Protein backbone atom coordinates (compact mmCIF):
# COMPACT_ATOMS: atom_id res chain seq x y z
CA MET A 1 -123.96 60.70 18.44
CA ALA A 2 -120.33 60.00 17.68
CA PRO A 3 -118.18 63.12 17.15
CA SER A 4 -117.32 64.04 13.54
CA GLY A 5 -114.46 61.98 12.15
CA GLN A 6 -114.55 59.35 14.83
CA PRO A 7 -116.16 56.58 12.73
CA ARG A 8 -113.47 57.13 10.06
CA VAL A 9 -110.52 56.86 12.40
CA SER A 10 -112.16 53.81 13.99
CA ARG A 11 -112.09 52.16 10.58
CA TYR A 12 -108.30 52.51 10.49
CA LEU A 13 -107.98 50.69 13.81
CA ILE A 14 -110.33 47.96 12.60
CA ALA A 15 -108.42 47.56 9.35
CA LEU A 16 -105.16 47.22 11.28
CA ALA A 17 -106.70 44.66 13.59
CA LEU A 18 -107.91 42.68 10.63
CA LEU A 19 -104.48 42.91 9.00
CA ILE A 20 -102.83 41.46 12.13
CA VAL A 21 -105.44 38.73 12.44
CA GLY A 22 -104.98 37.83 8.73
CA LEU A 23 -101.21 37.68 9.07
CA TYR A 24 -101.30 35.39 12.03
CA ALA A 25 -104.00 33.26 10.42
CA LEU A 26 -101.60 32.69 7.54
CA VAL A 27 -98.80 31.99 10.02
CA PHE A 28 -100.80 29.17 11.72
CA LEU A 29 -102.75 27.86 8.75
CA THR A 30 -99.96 27.65 6.17
CA GLY A 31 -96.44 26.28 6.12
CA PRO A 32 -95.14 22.93 7.39
CA ALA A 33 -97.06 20.98 10.03
CA GLY A 34 -95.88 21.36 13.60
CA SER A 35 -96.64 22.72 17.04
CA PRO A 36 -97.64 26.38 17.56
CA LYS A 37 -94.06 27.03 18.72
CA ASP A 38 -92.75 25.65 15.42
CA LYS A 39 -95.25 27.77 13.49
CA LEU A 40 -94.08 30.92 15.30
CA THR A 41 -90.37 30.26 14.71
CA PRO A 42 -88.96 32.30 11.81
CA LYS A 43 -86.52 30.89 9.32
CA LEU A 44 -83.11 31.61 10.88
CA GLY A 45 -79.87 32.36 9.07
CA LEU A 46 -76.57 30.52 9.13
CA ASP A 47 -75.22 32.48 12.11
CA LEU A 48 -78.32 31.88 14.34
CA GLN A 49 -79.39 28.33 13.56
CA GLY A 50 -76.22 26.87 12.18
CA GLY A 51 -76.16 25.32 8.78
CA THR A 52 -74.50 23.02 6.36
CA THR A 53 -71.18 23.31 4.61
CA VAL A 54 -70.33 21.25 1.52
CA THR A 55 -66.91 21.27 -0.11
CA LEU A 56 -67.11 20.43 -3.84
CA ARG A 57 -63.86 19.26 -5.42
CA ALA A 58 -63.30 19.85 -9.12
CA ALA A 59 -61.20 17.63 -11.40
CA LEU A 60 -60.64 17.33 -15.14
CA PRO A 61 -61.11 13.91 -16.77
CA ASP A 62 -57.34 13.40 -16.86
CA GLY A 63 -57.03 14.26 -13.19
CA GLY A 64 -55.54 17.66 -13.85
CA LYS A 65 -56.34 20.95 -12.13
CA PRO A 66 -58.98 23.30 -13.58
CA SER A 67 -58.10 26.81 -14.67
CA LYS A 68 -58.94 29.78 -12.54
CA GLY A 69 -61.49 30.94 -15.09
CA GLN A 70 -63.28 27.57 -15.06
CA LEU A 71 -63.46 27.59 -11.29
CA ASN A 72 -64.84 31.10 -11.16
CA GLU A 73 -67.40 30.31 -13.83
CA ALA A 74 -68.48 27.20 -11.91
CA ARG A 75 -68.78 29.26 -8.68
CA GLN A 76 -71.00 31.80 -10.40
CA ILE A 77 -73.29 29.12 -11.82
CA ILE A 78 -73.56 27.39 -8.40
CA GLU A 79 -74.27 30.69 -6.77
CA ASN A 80 -77.09 31.38 -9.32
CA ARG A 81 -78.51 27.92 -8.67
CA VAL A 82 -78.56 28.45 -4.91
CA ASN A 83 -80.08 31.88 -5.32
CA GLY A 84 -82.68 30.57 -7.81
CA SER A 85 -83.70 27.84 -5.41
CA GLY A 86 -84.93 30.49 -2.88
CA VAL A 87 -82.17 30.11 -0.30
CA SER A 88 -80.99 33.39 1.19
CA GLU A 89 -78.06 34.34 3.38
CA PHE A 90 -75.83 31.79 1.67
CA GLU A 91 -72.11 31.85 0.78
CA VAL A 92 -70.41 30.33 -2.25
CA LEU A 93 -66.62 30.59 -2.11
CA THR A 94 -63.62 29.24 -3.93
CA GLU A 95 -60.82 27.60 -1.94
CA GLY A 96 -57.45 26.80 -3.35
CA ASP A 97 -57.15 25.74 -6.96
CA ARG A 98 -59.98 23.19 -7.18
CA ASN A 99 -62.54 23.55 -4.36
CA ILE A 100 -65.82 25.40 -4.04
CA ILE A 101 -67.35 25.77 -0.56
CA VAL A 102 -71.10 26.31 -0.21
CA ASN A 103 -72.58 27.43 3.14
CA VAL A 104 -76.36 27.56 3.61
CA PRO A 105 -78.66 27.81 6.65
CA GLY A 106 -80.22 24.65 8.05
CA LYS A 107 -79.71 21.03 7.10
CA ASN A 108 -79.56 20.95 3.32
CA GLU A 109 -77.03 18.22 2.66
CA GLU A 110 -78.89 16.49 -0.16
CA ASP A 111 -79.94 19.76 -1.77
CA LEU A 112 -76.41 21.03 -1.75
CA LYS A 113 -75.14 17.85 -3.41
CA LYS A 114 -77.62 18.38 -6.22
CA ILE A 115 -76.44 21.96 -6.67
CA GLY A 116 -72.99 20.66 -7.51
CA GLU A 117 -74.23 18.30 -10.24
CA PRO A 118 -72.99 19.20 -13.78
CA ALA A 119 -76.50 19.44 -15.31
CA GLN A 120 -75.34 18.10 -18.65
CA LEU A 121 -78.51 17.61 -20.73
CA ARG A 122 -78.70 15.13 -23.58
CA PHE A 123 -81.58 13.94 -25.78
CA ARG A 124 -81.02 10.30 -26.97
CA GLN A 125 -83.13 7.70 -28.71
CA VAL A 126 -83.80 4.61 -26.66
CA ILE A 127 -82.35 1.47 -28.38
CA ALA A 128 -83.34 -1.24 -25.85
CA GLU A 129 -84.37 -1.73 -22.22
CA LEU A 130 -83.43 -4.46 -19.73
CA PRO A 131 -83.87 -5.03 -15.96
CA GLY A 132 -80.82 -5.07 -13.68
CA THR A 133 -80.02 -6.63 -10.30
CA ASP A 134 -79.33 -4.23 -7.47
CA ARG A 135 -76.75 -4.90 -4.84
CA PRO A 136 -77.54 -5.26 -1.13
CA GLU A 137 -78.27 -2.01 0.68
CA ASN A 138 -75.29 -0.22 2.27
CA ASP A 139 -72.85 -2.20 0.08
CA PRO A 140 -69.50 -0.50 0.62
CA SER A 141 -68.65 -1.00 -3.07
CA LEU A 142 -71.34 1.55 -3.98
CA GLN A 143 -69.22 4.32 -2.56
CA ASN A 144 -66.61 6.06 -4.70
CA PRO A 145 -63.31 6.78 -2.86
CA VAL A 146 -63.04 10.54 -2.25
CA GLY A 147 -60.35 12.15 -4.35
CA ALA A 148 -59.40 8.94 -6.17
CA LYS A 149 -58.37 9.16 -9.78
CA ARG A 150 -60.97 7.75 -12.14
CA PRO A 151 -59.93 4.35 -13.59
CA THR A 152 -59.50 3.80 -17.29
CA LYS A 153 -61.49 1.32 -19.43
CA ASP A 154 -58.43 -0.90 -19.91
CA GLU A 155 -57.68 -0.97 -16.17
CA VAL A 156 -61.23 -2.22 -15.36
CA LEU A 157 -61.51 -4.67 -18.25
CA ALA A 158 -58.24 -6.29 -17.04
CA LYS A 159 -60.16 -7.45 -13.98
CA PHE A 160 -62.39 -9.70 -16.08
CA PRO A 161 -61.40 -13.20 -17.25
CA ALA A 162 -60.51 -13.59 -20.91
CA GLU A 163 -63.78 -15.45 -21.77
CA ALA A 164 -65.94 -12.52 -20.58
CA GLN A 165 -65.43 -10.43 -23.77
CA PRO A 166 -66.92 -12.92 -26.29
CA ILE A 167 -69.85 -13.66 -23.97
CA VAL A 168 -70.74 -9.95 -23.76
CA ALA A 169 -70.29 -9.57 -27.55
CA ALA A 170 -72.67 -12.45 -28.15
CA ALA A 171 -75.26 -10.97 -25.78
CA ALA A 172 -75.01 -7.63 -27.60
CA GLY A 173 -75.46 -9.32 -30.99
CA ALA A 174 -78.55 -11.16 -29.77
CA GLN A 175 -79.67 -8.14 -27.75
CA THR A 176 -80.38 -10.33 -24.74
CA PRO A 177 -78.76 -10.16 -21.32
CA VAL A 178 -75.79 -12.40 -20.44
CA ASP A 179 -76.85 -15.75 -19.01
CA LEU A 180 -75.06 -15.72 -15.70
CA ALA A 181 -76.19 -19.24 -14.83
CA ALA A 182 -74.56 -20.63 -17.95
CA ASN A 183 -71.30 -18.80 -17.17
CA PRO A 184 -70.72 -19.31 -13.43
CA GLY A 185 -68.01 -17.16 -11.88
CA VAL A 186 -67.09 -15.30 -15.02
CA PHE A 187 -68.83 -12.08 -13.96
CA ASP A 188 -68.43 -12.27 -10.20
CA VAL A 189 -65.90 -9.45 -10.38
CA VAL A 190 -68.78 -7.08 -11.20
CA ASN A 191 -70.09 -7.25 -7.62
CA THR A 192 -66.78 -5.78 -6.36
CA LEU A 193 -66.56 -2.84 -8.81
CA THR A 194 -67.10 0.66 -7.57
CA PRO A 195 -69.52 2.96 -9.46
CA ALA A 196 -66.53 4.80 -10.92
CA GLU A 197 -65.10 1.52 -12.22
CA VAL A 198 -68.51 0.55 -13.73
CA ALA A 199 -68.61 3.97 -15.44
CA ALA A 200 -65.33 3.11 -17.20
CA LEU A 201 -66.77 -0.03 -18.71
CA PRO A 202 -68.03 -0.04 -22.35
CA ALA A 203 -71.77 0.52 -22.77
CA ASP A 204 -72.42 -3.14 -23.78
CA TYR A 205 -70.87 -4.38 -20.49
CA GLN A 206 -73.00 -1.96 -18.45
CA PHE A 207 -76.17 -2.87 -20.28
CA TYR A 208 -75.97 -6.62 -20.95
CA ILE A 209 -74.51 -7.84 -17.65
CA PRO A 210 -77.59 -8.28 -15.35
CA SER A 211 -75.62 -7.90 -12.14
CA ILE A 212 -74.92 -4.24 -13.04
CA GLY A 213 -78.16 -2.67 -11.67
CA CYS A 214 -79.54 0.79 -11.43
CA ASP A 215 -78.20 1.33 -7.92
CA VAL A 216 -74.59 1.20 -9.11
CA LEU A 217 -75.37 3.02 -12.40
CA ASN A 218 -77.06 5.90 -10.57
CA ALA A 219 -74.07 6.10 -8.24
CA ARG A 220 -71.57 6.67 -11.07
CA PRO A 221 -69.57 9.90 -10.71
CA ALA A 222 -71.17 13.00 -12.19
CA GLY A 223 -70.42 13.45 -15.89
CA SER A 224 -69.88 9.70 -16.55
CA ILE A 225 -72.15 9.54 -19.69
CA THR A 226 -71.73 13.05 -21.22
CA GLN A 227 -70.02 11.69 -24.39
CA GLU A 228 -72.09 12.98 -27.31
CA ASP A 229 -70.86 10.54 -29.94
CA GLN A 230 -71.14 7.27 -27.99
CA GLN A 231 -73.92 4.99 -26.88
CA VAL A 232 -74.46 5.09 -23.12
CA VAL A 233 -76.50 3.34 -20.45
CA SER A 234 -78.86 5.13 -18.05
CA CYS A 235 -81.61 4.37 -15.67
CA ARG A 236 -84.94 6.05 -15.15
CA LYS A 237 -85.18 8.14 -11.98
CA SER A 238 -87.70 5.71 -10.67
CA GLY A 239 -85.02 3.02 -10.85
CA THR A 240 -87.17 0.67 -13.00
CA GLY A 241 -85.07 -0.73 -15.83
CA LYS A 242 -81.87 0.40 -17.50
CA LEU A 243 -81.86 1.84 -20.98
CA LEU A 244 -79.37 1.53 -23.76
CA LEU A 245 -79.27 4.93 -25.45
CA ASP A 246 -78.04 6.03 -28.86
CA LYS A 247 -75.72 8.95 -29.59
CA ALA A 248 -76.88 12.35 -28.38
CA GLU A 249 -78.89 14.26 -31.02
CA VAL A 250 -79.75 17.38 -28.91
CA LEU A 251 -77.53 18.92 -26.28
CA GLY A 252 -77.96 21.26 -23.32
CA THR A 253 -76.36 24.04 -25.32
CA ASP A 254 -79.41 23.85 -27.66
CA VAL A 255 -81.71 24.91 -24.80
CA LYS A 256 -82.71 28.60 -24.74
CA SER A 257 -84.70 28.59 -21.45
CA ALA A 258 -86.53 26.33 -19.05
CA ASP A 259 -89.42 26.75 -16.69
CA PHE A 260 -91.65 24.48 -14.57
CA GLY A 261 -95.35 24.34 -13.84
CA PHE A 262 -98.28 22.05 -12.96
CA ASP A 263 -100.37 20.28 -15.60
CA ASN A 264 -103.69 18.68 -14.49
CA SER A 265 -103.11 15.61 -16.66
CA GLN A 266 -99.36 15.17 -16.28
CA GLY A 267 -98.53 16.64 -12.88
CA TRP A 268 -95.37 18.77 -12.49
CA VAL A 269 -93.59 19.32 -15.79
CA VAL A 270 -90.50 21.23 -17.02
CA SER A 271 -90.96 23.10 -20.27
CA ILE A 272 -87.90 23.55 -22.46
CA LYS A 273 -87.54 26.15 -25.15
CA PHE A 274 -84.81 25.63 -27.77
CA THR A 275 -82.54 27.93 -29.71
CA GLY A 276 -83.08 28.18 -33.48
CA LYS A 277 -80.61 25.40 -34.29
CA GLY A 278 -81.66 23.43 -31.24
CA GLN A 279 -85.30 23.48 -32.39
CA ASP A 280 -84.29 22.09 -35.77
CA ARG A 281 -82.29 19.26 -34.10
CA TRP A 282 -85.21 18.42 -31.73
CA THR A 283 -87.68 18.36 -34.66
CA GLU A 284 -85.32 16.07 -36.66
CA LEU A 285 -84.95 13.69 -33.70
CA THR A 286 -88.72 13.39 -33.25
CA LYS A 287 -89.06 12.68 -36.96
CA LYS A 288 -86.43 9.94 -36.73
CA ALA A 289 -87.84 8.41 -33.55
CA GLN A 290 -91.57 8.31 -34.35
CA GLY A 291 -93.23 5.37 -32.56
CA GLN A 292 -90.12 5.04 -30.33
CA GLN A 293 -88.94 6.47 -27.05
CA VAL A 294 -86.58 9.43 -26.64
CA ALA A 295 -84.70 9.68 -23.35
CA ILE A 296 -84.09 13.08 -21.79
CA VAL A 297 -80.93 12.46 -19.82
CA LEU A 298 -79.69 14.86 -17.11
CA ASP A 299 -76.21 13.91 -15.93
CA ASN A 300 -76.38 10.15 -15.34
CA GLN A 301 -80.17 9.66 -15.14
CA THR A 302 -83.09 9.54 -17.51
CA VAL A 303 -85.60 12.00 -16.13
CA SER A 304 -88.18 11.35 -18.84
CA ASP A 305 -88.49 8.93 -21.78
CA PRO A 306 -91.67 9.82 -23.77
CA THR A 307 -92.83 7.90 -26.78
CA ILE A 308 -92.79 10.16 -29.84
CA GLU A 309 -96.13 9.84 -31.66
CA ASN A 310 -95.72 12.67 -34.14
CA VAL A 311 -93.10 15.10 -35.33
CA ILE A 312 -92.75 17.88 -32.72
CA THR A 313 -91.98 21.37 -33.99
CA GLY A 314 -92.38 23.11 -30.66
CA ASP A 315 -91.03 22.90 -27.12
CA ALA A 316 -90.06 19.77 -25.24
CA GLN A 317 -91.39 18.73 -21.79
CA ILE A 318 -89.92 16.72 -18.99
CA ASN A 319 -92.51 14.81 -17.00
CA GLY A 320 -92.98 11.46 -15.42
CA GLN A 321 -93.78 9.54 -12.31
CA GLY A 322 -92.10 10.74 -9.16
CA ILE A 323 -91.37 14.28 -10.40
CA GLY A 324 -92.68 16.62 -7.71
CA LYS A 325 -92.55 20.35 -7.46
CA SER A 326 -89.12 20.51 -5.80
CA GLU A 327 -87.59 18.19 -8.43
CA ALA A 328 -89.17 20.08 -11.30
CA GLU A 329 -87.89 23.31 -9.88
CA ASP A 330 -84.44 21.83 -9.44
CA ILE A 331 -84.30 20.58 -13.00
CA SER A 332 -85.59 23.92 -14.35
CA ASN A 333 -83.07 25.77 -12.21
CA LYS A 334 -80.14 23.73 -13.50
CA LEU A 335 -81.11 24.11 -17.21
CA LYS A 336 -81.83 27.80 -16.74
CA TYR A 337 -78.38 28.64 -15.44
CA GLY A 338 -76.48 26.19 -17.65
CA ALA A 339 -74.15 23.23 -17.14
CA LEU A 340 -71.05 23.48 -14.96
CA PRO A 341 -67.79 23.64 -16.93
CA LEU A 342 -66.30 21.20 -14.45
CA THR A 343 -67.19 17.93 -12.86
CA PHE A 344 -67.39 18.03 -9.04
CA SER A 345 -67.34 15.38 -6.36
CA THR A 346 -68.51 15.96 -2.84
CA ASP A 347 -65.36 16.16 -0.73
CA THR A 348 -66.72 16.94 2.76
CA VAL A 349 -70.09 17.63 4.33
CA TYR A 350 -70.50 18.94 7.85
CA GLU A 351 -72.82 21.03 9.95
CA ILE A 352 -71.95 24.46 11.38
CA SER A 353 -72.73 25.10 15.05
CA PRO A 354 -74.77 28.18 15.87
CA THR A 355 -73.15 28.60 19.31
CA LEU A 356 -71.22 31.73 18.49
CA GLY A 357 -74.15 33.34 16.70
CA THR A 358 -76.51 32.53 19.55
CA SER A 359 -74.28 34.23 22.11
CA GLN A 360 -73.96 37.28 19.85
CA LEU A 361 -77.72 37.30 19.41
CA LYS A 362 -78.24 37.33 23.18
CA ALA A 363 -75.89 40.25 23.49
CA GLY A 364 -77.62 42.04 20.63
CA LEU A 365 -81.10 41.44 22.10
CA LEU A 366 -79.86 42.63 25.48
CA ALA A 367 -78.59 45.88 23.89
CA GLY A 368 -81.89 46.21 22.00
CA GLY A 369 -83.87 45.56 25.17
CA ILE A 370 -81.92 48.24 27.08
CA GLY A 371 -82.48 50.69 24.26
CA LEU A 372 -86.21 49.89 24.11
CA ALA A 373 -86.53 50.23 27.88
CA LEU A 374 -84.88 53.68 27.72
CA VAL A 375 -87.28 54.71 24.97
CA VAL A 376 -90.23 53.53 27.02
CA LEU A 377 -88.95 55.26 30.22
CA TYR A 378 -88.31 58.52 28.40
CA SER A 379 -91.77 58.39 26.71
CA MET A 380 -93.50 57.77 30.03
CA LEU A 381 -91.68 60.58 31.85
CA TYR A 382 -91.87 63.15 29.11
CA TYR A 383 -95.14 62.29 27.33
CA ARG A 384 -97.05 60.51 30.08
CA LEU A 385 -100.32 59.23 28.53
CA LEU A 386 -98.84 59.81 25.11
CA GLY A 387 -96.00 57.53 26.20
CA LEU A 388 -98.47 54.65 26.59
CA ILE A 389 -99.55 55.26 22.97
CA THR A 390 -95.87 55.06 21.98
CA ILE A 391 -95.52 51.71 23.77
CA ALA A 392 -98.73 50.39 22.19
CA SER A 393 -97.56 51.50 18.75
CA LEU A 394 -94.19 49.78 19.16
CA ILE A 395 -95.97 46.55 20.22
CA ALA A 396 -98.32 46.73 17.20
CA SER A 397 -95.29 47.37 14.89
CA GLY A 398 -93.32 44.44 16.37
CA THR A 399 -96.35 42.13 16.00
CA ILE A 400 -96.71 42.90 12.29
CA ILE A 401 -92.96 42.72 11.59
CA TYR A 402 -92.64 39.34 13.30
CA ALA A 403 -95.48 37.77 11.32
CA SER A 404 -94.04 39.23 8.17
CA ILE A 405 -90.63 37.68 8.83
CA ILE A 406 -92.21 34.22 9.27
CA LEU A 407 -94.29 34.48 6.10
CA LEU A 408 -91.38 35.94 4.04
CA GLY A 409 -89.23 33.06 5.18
CA ARG A 410 -91.78 30.51 3.95
CA GLU A 411 -92.59 32.16 0.65
CA MET A 412 -89.38 33.98 -0.40
CA GLY A 413 -86.72 32.11 1.60
CA PHE A 414 -85.88 35.19 3.76
CA THR A 415 -83.72 34.20 6.72
CA LEU A 416 -83.29 36.21 9.90
CA THR A 417 -79.63 36.83 10.73
CA LEU A 418 -77.65 38.83 13.27
CA ALA A 419 -77.39 41.65 10.73
CA GLY A 420 -81.19 41.52 10.30
CA VAL A 421 -81.74 41.76 14.04
CA ALA A 422 -79.43 44.78 14.08
CA GLY A 423 -81.68 46.36 11.40
CA PHE A 424 -84.75 45.90 13.59
CA ILE A 425 -82.97 47.40 16.63
CA VAL A 426 -81.98 50.46 14.61
CA SER A 427 -85.51 50.77 13.32
CA ILE A 428 -86.84 51.26 16.90
CA GLY A 429 -85.22 54.72 16.88
CA ILE A 430 -86.73 55.48 13.42
CA THR A 431 -90.16 54.46 14.61
CA ALA A 432 -89.83 56.50 17.84
CA ASP A 433 -88.80 59.54 15.77
CA SER A 434 -92.13 59.46 13.98
CA PHE A 435 -93.99 59.61 17.30
CA VAL A 436 -91.77 62.43 18.55
CA VAL A 437 -92.47 64.53 15.44
CA PHE A 438 -96.21 64.09 15.92
CA PHE A 439 -96.35 64.55 19.65
CA GLU A 440 -94.05 67.58 19.74
CA ARG A 441 -96.19 69.27 17.10
CA LEU A 442 -99.23 68.43 19.18
CA LYS A 443 -97.64 69.97 22.32
CA ASP A 444 -96.84 73.14 20.29
CA GLU A 445 -100.48 73.47 19.26
CA VAL A 446 -101.69 73.06 22.85
CA ARG A 447 -99.12 75.67 24.05
CA ASP A 448 -100.53 78.11 21.51
CA GLY A 449 -103.86 77.92 23.44
CA ARG A 450 -105.83 75.30 21.54
CA THR A 451 -107.74 72.52 23.20
CA VAL A 452 -106.37 68.99 22.88
CA ARG A 453 -109.31 68.03 20.67
CA SER A 454 -108.75 70.82 18.18
CA ALA A 455 -104.95 70.60 18.35
CA VAL A 456 -104.80 66.94 17.18
CA PRO A 457 -105.96 67.48 13.55
CA ARG A 458 -103.78 70.57 13.15
CA ALA A 459 -100.73 68.81 14.59
CA TRP A 460 -101.28 65.74 12.38
CA ALA A 461 -101.72 67.89 9.21
CA ARG A 462 -98.42 69.62 9.91
CA SER A 463 -96.39 66.64 11.06
CA ARG A 464 -97.38 63.88 8.66
CA ARG A 465 -95.37 65.38 5.75
CA THR A 466 -92.28 65.46 7.93
CA ILE A 467 -92.89 61.87 9.01
CA LEU A 468 -93.32 60.71 5.42
CA SER A 469 -90.18 62.61 4.29
CA ALA A 470 -88.07 61.06 7.03
CA ASP A 471 -89.34 57.57 6.33
CA ALA A 472 -88.85 58.00 2.59
CA VAL A 473 -85.20 59.01 3.12
CA SER A 474 -84.74 55.99 5.47
CA PHE A 475 -86.34 53.60 2.98
CA LEU A 476 -84.33 54.89 0.03
CA ALA A 477 -81.15 54.48 2.05
CA ALA A 478 -82.17 50.87 2.86
CA ALA A 479 -83.05 50.17 -0.76
CA VAL A 480 -79.74 51.48 -2.14
CA LEU A 481 -77.85 49.55 0.53
CA TYR A 482 -79.78 46.38 -0.33
CA ILE A 483 -78.99 46.74 -4.05
CA LEU A 484 -75.35 47.55 -3.65
CA ALA A 485 -74.46 45.31 -0.69
CA ILE A 486 -73.76 41.60 -0.53
CA GLY A 487 -74.02 38.95 2.15
CA ALA A 488 -75.25 39.77 5.63
CA VAL A 489 -75.46 43.55 4.90
CA LYS A 490 -78.41 42.74 2.60
CA GLY A 491 -80.25 41.29 5.60
CA PHE A 492 -79.65 44.51 7.55
CA ALA A 493 -80.92 46.65 4.70
CA PHE A 494 -84.01 44.43 4.13
CA THR A 495 -85.14 44.51 7.75
CA LEU A 496 -84.51 48.25 7.93
CA GLY A 497 -86.63 48.83 4.85
CA LEU A 498 -89.39 46.51 6.11
CA SER A 499 -89.50 48.28 9.49
CA THR A 500 -89.69 51.66 7.79
CA ILE A 501 -92.73 50.57 5.75
CA VAL A 502 -94.43 49.18 8.81
CA ASP A 503 -93.65 52.44 10.69
CA VAL A 504 -95.66 54.43 8.11
CA LEU A 505 -98.54 51.93 8.43
CA ILE A 506 -98.56 52.10 12.21
CA VAL A 507 -98.39 55.91 12.37
CA PHE A 508 -101.26 56.34 9.95
CA TRP A 509 -103.48 53.37 10.95
CA PHE A 510 -102.80 53.15 14.70
CA THR A 511 -101.04 56.07 16.39
CA HIS A 512 -102.93 58.92 14.81
CA PRO A 513 -106.40 57.30 15.02
CA LEU A 514 -105.73 56.31 18.68
CA VAL A 515 -104.72 59.88 19.56
CA VAL A 516 -107.86 61.18 17.82
CA LEU A 517 -110.13 58.89 19.87
CA LEU A 518 -108.38 59.58 23.17
CA SER A 519 -108.37 63.33 22.63
CA ARG A 520 -112.17 63.25 23.01
CA THR A 521 -111.98 61.71 26.46
CA LYS A 522 -111.89 63.58 29.75
CA ILE A 523 -108.77 61.81 30.98
CA PHE A 524 -106.77 63.06 28.02
CA ALA A 525 -107.83 66.63 28.73
CA SER A 526 -105.97 66.52 32.07
CA PRO A 527 -102.48 68.17 31.61
CA LYS A 528 -101.01 66.05 34.38
CA LEU A 529 -102.03 62.81 32.65
CA SER A 530 -101.60 63.73 29.04
CA GLY A 531 -98.43 65.79 29.38
CA LEU A 532 -100.00 68.50 27.20
CA VAL A 533 -99.60 71.74 29.23
CA LYS A 534 -100.56 75.16 27.95
CA SER A 535 -98.04 77.97 28.34
CA GLU A 536 -98.63 80.80 30.80
CA ARG A 537 -99.09 83.23 27.90
CA SER A 538 -101.76 81.00 26.37
CA ASN A 539 -103.57 80.59 29.70
CA SER A 540 -103.63 84.37 30.19
CA ALA A 541 -104.84 84.95 26.70
CA VAL A 542 -107.63 82.41 27.11
CA SER A 543 -108.70 83.92 30.49
CA ALA A 544 -108.70 87.47 29.04
CA THR A 545 -110.84 86.31 26.16
CA ALA A 546 -113.27 84.65 28.46
CA THR A 547 -113.56 87.81 30.72
CA LYS A 548 -114.11 90.02 27.74
CA GLU A 549 -116.84 87.74 26.46
CA ALA A 550 -118.47 87.72 29.86
């Protein structure tokens, strides 16, 4: 028959084993596809894996410099967007009088460019729709010169021959595209215009000239069609057809909040809640546009153009083909944190090398390895068999922490940095302290004359409160540091707090149950092997008691 209490402590060990198996099942069965090595690689921070740096350059429409207040407001909004997208260990900095620099781990070039988009939202009624002719791929004219001043309407119109204007006016009156075949050479200049020059053209030129396609319209600089009181031209995100849109009836400032979710019939959608006045404007627009389409325009593109069947007195939704989870989240994120007060262009994009961080990591791991080796050596010399339990406990703790880092990186965007590694190294000492408190109390009980088997429950009852108190203080310190700190220090505080929680779990579910089970074995009763030696006073007292009883 099993000794009293043994089945219960065995359950703790089984529960811990199931927890570890469950964690690693999630590691291998979830996340992106890849080799086992890829699955076991945690998400690394900027200093360990390198990353991407994007410099966003701000400019006012007249080419002037933004104010310091505008630049700081834009920096805060961009920082909120990056944080809301789940990226951690990032940096958003201002540089000079017009630049904002964004540093994030990994290769996120396209995502970073989206973060710098103005997020100007407009609701406009669709007037007409026409196809457009795209230019050849990699056409150099589709690129806007970096830092170039935006051209004016008059400067661009001066490039067209005199007969172009009446032709476009006739097309607009008939609401049909310009017949390029009937007017050879008149509109050839269009094929040489940059997206910034196309953006300066009147809306009827952009819409009725077929050689202005969605590729060049989508490449127009950010903020090209934000005018509220003018008709504009926009393309659907799918690139099928360009739309002539009426004046804006509802603006981004009319939006109270935005969220995204999945609908079984529509796929991923973004739900928009309006302010009081915004709701009235949205309802009035749906009343005016019954039976027609209303375009929801974000920056230069139409993200959704639903047909209004009835007057809508509630929220609006953005949905459509090609909107996936990441895009729905991106749109929701932009609307949630508001439009940027400035228009930015991407000045530079380059990757950061992890060389320096890798060399520092090696040095840090070497220091941690030396410290761990000293802890193991001390435990073996001083505690002997108990030292093996210490080593096993540290291995179990490291196994759980490593799986947790991988899963937190996938689900919460947590990235492991040099500061985080430092937090784990420091936590080795905290974990070892818990073992020392328990083992020293156990040795005291044995010195007082008790058997190892009877000493274990008494030592545990008297030491666990001390262990919990010490871990509570450590966790509170990590929590306060995480709340008050910024940047890499947050990573240190997070890993320190995580290690402290795991330490409590290991001590209660692994170390103590294992000591209980081993205390019932003969090998653990040997003082030379266990390191638990009774004092001379205790040995004499025990002998005297035995003689008296005899």
